[in-house]
N, C-alpha and C. Protein backbone atom coordinates (compact mmCIF):
# COMPACT_ATOMS: atom_id res chain seq x y z
N MET A 1 30.93 58.24 129.23
CA MET A 1 29.95 58.61 128.22
C MET A 1 30.70 58.73 126.88
N ALA A 2 30.10 58.25 125.84
CA ALA A 2 30.71 58.29 124.51
C ALA A 2 30.72 59.72 123.97
N PRO A 3 31.75 60.07 123.19
CA PRO A 3 31.82 61.43 122.64
C PRO A 3 30.56 61.84 121.87
N GLU A 4 29.98 60.94 121.13
CA GLU A 4 28.78 61.29 120.35
C GLU A 4 27.62 61.68 121.26
N GLU A 5 27.48 61.02 122.40
CA GLU A 5 26.43 61.37 123.35
C GLU A 5 26.70 62.74 123.96
N ILE A 6 27.97 63.04 124.24
CA ILE A 6 28.33 64.35 124.77
C ILE A 6 27.97 65.42 123.74
N VAL A 7 28.32 65.18 122.47
CA VAL A 7 28.00 66.12 121.39
C VAL A 7 26.50 66.33 121.31
N ASN A 8 25.73 65.26 121.38
CA ASN A 8 24.27 65.37 121.32
C ASN A 8 23.74 66.24 122.45
N ARG A 9 24.25 66.04 123.65
CA ARG A 9 23.79 66.83 124.79
C ARG A 9 24.18 68.30 124.65
N LEU A 10 25.41 68.53 124.22
CA LEU A 10 25.85 69.92 124.03
C LEU A 10 25.05 70.60 122.92
N SER A 11 24.74 69.86 121.87
CA SER A 11 23.98 70.42 120.75
C SER A 11 22.63 70.94 121.19
N ARG A 12 22.03 70.31 122.17
CA ARG A 12 20.73 70.74 122.66
C ARG A 12 20.79 72.07 123.41
N LYS A 13 21.99 72.50 123.76
CA LYS A 13 22.15 73.78 124.46
C LYS A 13 22.21 74.96 123.50
N LEU A 14 22.27 74.68 122.20
CA LEU A 14 22.41 75.74 121.19
C LEU A 14 21.16 75.86 120.35
N LEU A 15 20.89 77.07 119.89
CA LEU A 15 19.75 77.27 118.99
C LEU A 15 19.99 76.60 117.65
N ASP A 16 21.22 76.68 117.12
CA ASP A 16 21.52 76.11 115.82
C ASP A 16 22.90 75.46 115.84
N PRO A 17 22.98 74.19 116.21
CA PRO A 17 24.28 73.53 116.26
C PRO A 17 24.90 73.31 114.88
N SER A 18 24.16 73.55 113.81
CA SER A 18 24.72 73.41 112.47
C SER A 18 25.23 74.75 111.93
N GLU A 19 25.28 75.77 112.79
CA GLU A 19 25.77 77.09 112.39
C GLU A 19 27.19 76.98 111.82
N VAL A 20 27.43 77.67 110.73
CA VAL A 20 28.77 77.70 110.13
C VAL A 20 29.66 78.57 111.01
N VAL A 21 30.81 78.05 111.38
CA VAL A 21 31.73 78.77 112.26
C VAL A 21 32.69 79.63 111.44
N TYR A 22 33.11 79.14 110.31
CA TYR A 22 34.04 79.88 109.46
C TYR A 22 33.80 79.47 108.02
N ALA A 23 33.89 80.44 107.13
CA ALA A 23 33.69 80.14 105.72
C ALA A 23 34.57 81.06 104.88
N VAL A 24 34.92 80.58 103.72
CA VAL A 24 35.64 81.38 102.74
C VAL A 24 34.71 81.53 101.54
N THR A 25 34.51 82.76 101.13
CA THR A 25 33.61 83.01 100.01
C THR A 25 34.40 83.27 98.73
N MET A 26 33.70 83.24 97.62
CA MET A 26 34.34 83.60 96.35
C MET A 26 34.85 85.03 96.40
N ARG A 27 34.13 85.91 97.10
CA ARG A 27 34.60 87.30 97.21
C ARG A 27 35.95 87.36 97.91
N ASP A 28 36.14 86.52 98.94
CA ASP A 28 37.44 86.44 99.61
C ASP A 28 38.52 86.02 98.61
N LEU A 29 38.20 85.05 97.78
CA LEU A 29 39.15 84.58 96.77
C LEU A 29 39.43 85.67 95.75
N LEU A 30 38.38 86.38 95.31
CA LEU A 30 38.57 87.47 94.35
C LEU A 30 39.46 88.57 94.93
N THR A 31 39.31 88.83 96.22
CA THR A 31 40.15 89.82 96.88
C THR A 31 41.61 89.39 96.86
N ALA A 32 41.85 88.11 97.10
CA ALA A 32 43.22 87.58 97.06
C ALA A 32 43.79 87.65 95.64
N ILE A 33 42.97 87.32 94.66
CA ILE A 33 43.41 87.39 93.26
C ILE A 33 43.74 88.84 92.89
N ALA A 34 42.86 89.77 93.23
CA ALA A 34 43.09 91.18 92.91
C ALA A 34 44.36 91.68 93.60
N GLY A 35 44.59 91.26 94.82
CA GLY A 35 45.80 91.65 95.54
C GLY A 35 47.06 91.12 94.88
N ARG A 36 46.97 89.95 94.32
CA ARG A 36 48.13 89.33 93.68
C ARG A 36 48.35 89.87 92.27
N MET A 37 47.27 90.02 91.51
CA MET A 37 47.40 90.32 90.08
C MET A 37 47.14 91.78 89.73
N GLY A 38 46.52 92.52 90.63
CA GLY A 38 46.17 93.90 90.31
C GLY A 38 45.19 93.95 89.14
N GLU A 39 45.34 94.97 88.30
CA GLU A 39 44.41 95.15 87.18
C GLU A 39 44.48 94.04 86.15
N ASP A 40 45.57 93.29 86.14
CA ASP A 40 45.66 92.14 85.22
C ASP A 40 44.55 91.13 85.49
N ALA A 41 44.03 91.13 86.71
CA ALA A 41 42.96 90.19 87.06
C ALA A 41 41.70 90.44 86.24
N LEU A 42 41.55 91.66 85.74
CA LEU A 42 40.35 91.98 84.95
C LEU A 42 40.29 91.20 83.65
N GLN A 43 41.41 90.62 83.22
CA GLN A 43 41.44 89.81 82.01
C GLN A 43 41.01 88.37 82.24
N LEU A 44 40.81 87.98 83.48
CA LEU A 44 40.43 86.60 83.80
C LEU A 44 39.02 86.31 83.30
N THR A 45 38.84 85.08 82.85
CA THR A 45 37.52 84.64 82.39
C THR A 45 36.78 83.98 83.54
N PRO A 46 35.47 83.78 83.36
CA PRO A 46 34.74 83.01 84.37
C PRO A 46 35.35 81.63 84.60
N ASP A 47 35.82 80.99 83.52
CA ASP A 47 36.47 79.68 83.68
C ASP A 47 37.73 79.78 84.53
N ASP A 48 38.51 80.86 84.34
CA ASP A 48 39.70 81.06 85.16
C ASP A 48 39.33 81.17 86.64
N LEU A 49 38.27 81.91 86.91
CA LEU A 49 37.85 82.12 88.30
C LEU A 49 37.33 80.83 88.92
N LEU A 50 36.61 80.05 88.15
CA LEU A 50 36.11 78.77 88.67
C LEU A 50 37.26 77.79 88.89
N LEU A 51 38.27 77.84 88.03
CA LEU A 51 39.45 77.01 88.23
C LEU A 51 40.16 77.41 89.52
N ALA A 52 40.27 78.71 89.78
CA ALA A 52 40.88 79.18 91.03
C ALA A 52 40.07 78.66 92.22
N ARG A 53 38.74 78.72 92.12
CA ARG A 53 37.88 78.20 93.19
C ARG A 53 38.16 76.73 93.44
N ASP A 54 38.24 75.96 92.36
CA ASP A 54 38.48 74.52 92.51
C ASP A 54 39.84 74.24 93.14
N GLU A 55 40.84 75.04 92.77
CA GLU A 55 42.17 74.86 93.35
C GLU A 55 42.19 75.21 94.83
N VAL A 56 41.46 76.25 95.22
CA VAL A 56 41.39 76.60 96.64
C VAL A 56 40.71 75.47 97.41
N ARG A 57 39.62 74.96 96.89
CA ARG A 57 38.96 73.83 97.56
C ARG A 57 39.89 72.65 97.71
N ALA A 58 40.60 72.31 96.64
CA ALA A 58 41.51 71.16 96.69
C ALA A 58 42.65 71.40 97.68
N THR A 59 43.19 72.62 97.68
CA THR A 59 44.29 72.94 98.59
C THR A 59 43.83 72.89 100.03
N PHE A 60 42.67 73.49 100.32
CA PHE A 60 42.15 73.43 101.68
C PHE A 60 41.92 71.99 102.10
N GLY A 61 41.35 71.20 101.21
CA GLY A 61 41.08 69.81 101.54
C GLY A 61 42.34 69.01 101.80
N HIS A 62 43.41 69.37 101.10
CA HIS A 62 44.66 68.62 101.23
C HIS A 62 45.49 69.07 102.42
N TYR A 63 45.54 70.38 102.67
CA TYR A 63 46.43 70.91 103.68
C TYR A 63 45.77 71.28 105.00
N LEU A 64 44.48 71.46 105.00
CA LEU A 64 43.82 71.91 106.21
C LEU A 64 43.60 70.74 107.16
N ASP A 65 44.30 70.76 108.25
CA ASP A 65 44.13 69.73 109.28
C ASP A 65 43.22 70.32 110.36
N GLU A 66 41.95 69.99 110.29
CA GLU A 66 40.98 70.55 111.23
C GLU A 66 41.32 70.21 112.67
N ARG A 67 41.88 69.05 112.90
CA ARG A 67 42.21 68.67 114.28
C ARG A 67 43.24 69.63 114.87
N GLU A 68 44.24 69.97 114.07
CA GLU A 68 45.27 70.90 114.55
C GLU A 68 44.66 72.28 114.81
N LEU A 69 43.80 72.74 113.90
CA LEU A 69 43.17 74.05 114.09
C LEU A 69 42.24 74.05 115.30
N PHE A 70 41.47 72.98 115.47
CA PHE A 70 40.61 72.90 116.66
C PHE A 70 41.46 72.90 117.92
N GLY A 71 42.58 72.19 117.90
CA GLY A 71 43.46 72.16 119.06
C GLY A 71 43.96 73.54 119.42
N LEU A 72 44.43 74.29 118.41
CA LEU A 72 44.91 75.65 118.65
C LEU A 72 43.78 76.55 119.17
N ALA A 73 42.64 76.46 118.53
CA ALA A 73 41.51 77.31 118.94
C ALA A 73 41.04 76.97 120.35
N LEU A 74 40.97 75.68 120.67
CA LEU A 74 40.50 75.30 122.01
C LEU A 74 41.52 75.65 123.08
N ASP A 75 42.81 75.61 122.75
CA ASP A 75 43.83 76.08 123.71
C ASP A 75 43.59 77.54 124.04
N GLN A 76 43.37 78.34 123.01
CA GLN A 76 43.12 79.77 123.21
C GLN A 76 41.82 79.98 123.99
N TRP A 77 40.79 79.22 123.65
CA TRP A 77 39.50 79.30 124.32
C TRP A 77 39.65 79.02 125.81
N GLU A 78 40.42 77.99 126.16
CA GLU A 78 40.61 77.67 127.57
C GLU A 78 41.32 78.81 128.30
N LEU A 79 42.30 79.43 127.64
CA LEU A 79 42.99 80.57 128.26
C LEU A 79 42.03 81.73 128.50
N VAL A 80 41.22 82.05 127.51
CA VAL A 80 40.27 83.17 127.62
C VAL A 80 39.24 82.88 128.71
N ARG A 81 38.79 81.66 128.79
CA ARG A 81 37.79 81.31 129.82
C ARG A 81 38.34 81.49 131.22
N GLN A 82 39.65 81.36 131.40
CA GLN A 82 40.27 81.47 132.73
C GLN A 82 40.54 82.91 133.14
N LEU A 83 40.37 83.85 132.22
CA LEU A 83 40.64 85.25 132.56
C LEU A 83 39.57 85.83 133.49
């Protein structure tokens, strides 16, 4: 059976197969900025914050290898299922 057919069948077992599994919000980014800059962060402009957002998106897109993360997560999942 082709992987896409398997995905289609598995998707029918879920209420919402398009559910977001993990997300990073601007608030998460603001927390990281505040942790790094402290009160100096209060001087940042909206343009500065949007630039930080764009850089995070670009960095995630460049460095995030979803296949590697899925592999790690599924290895852990298989271990937990066997307990």
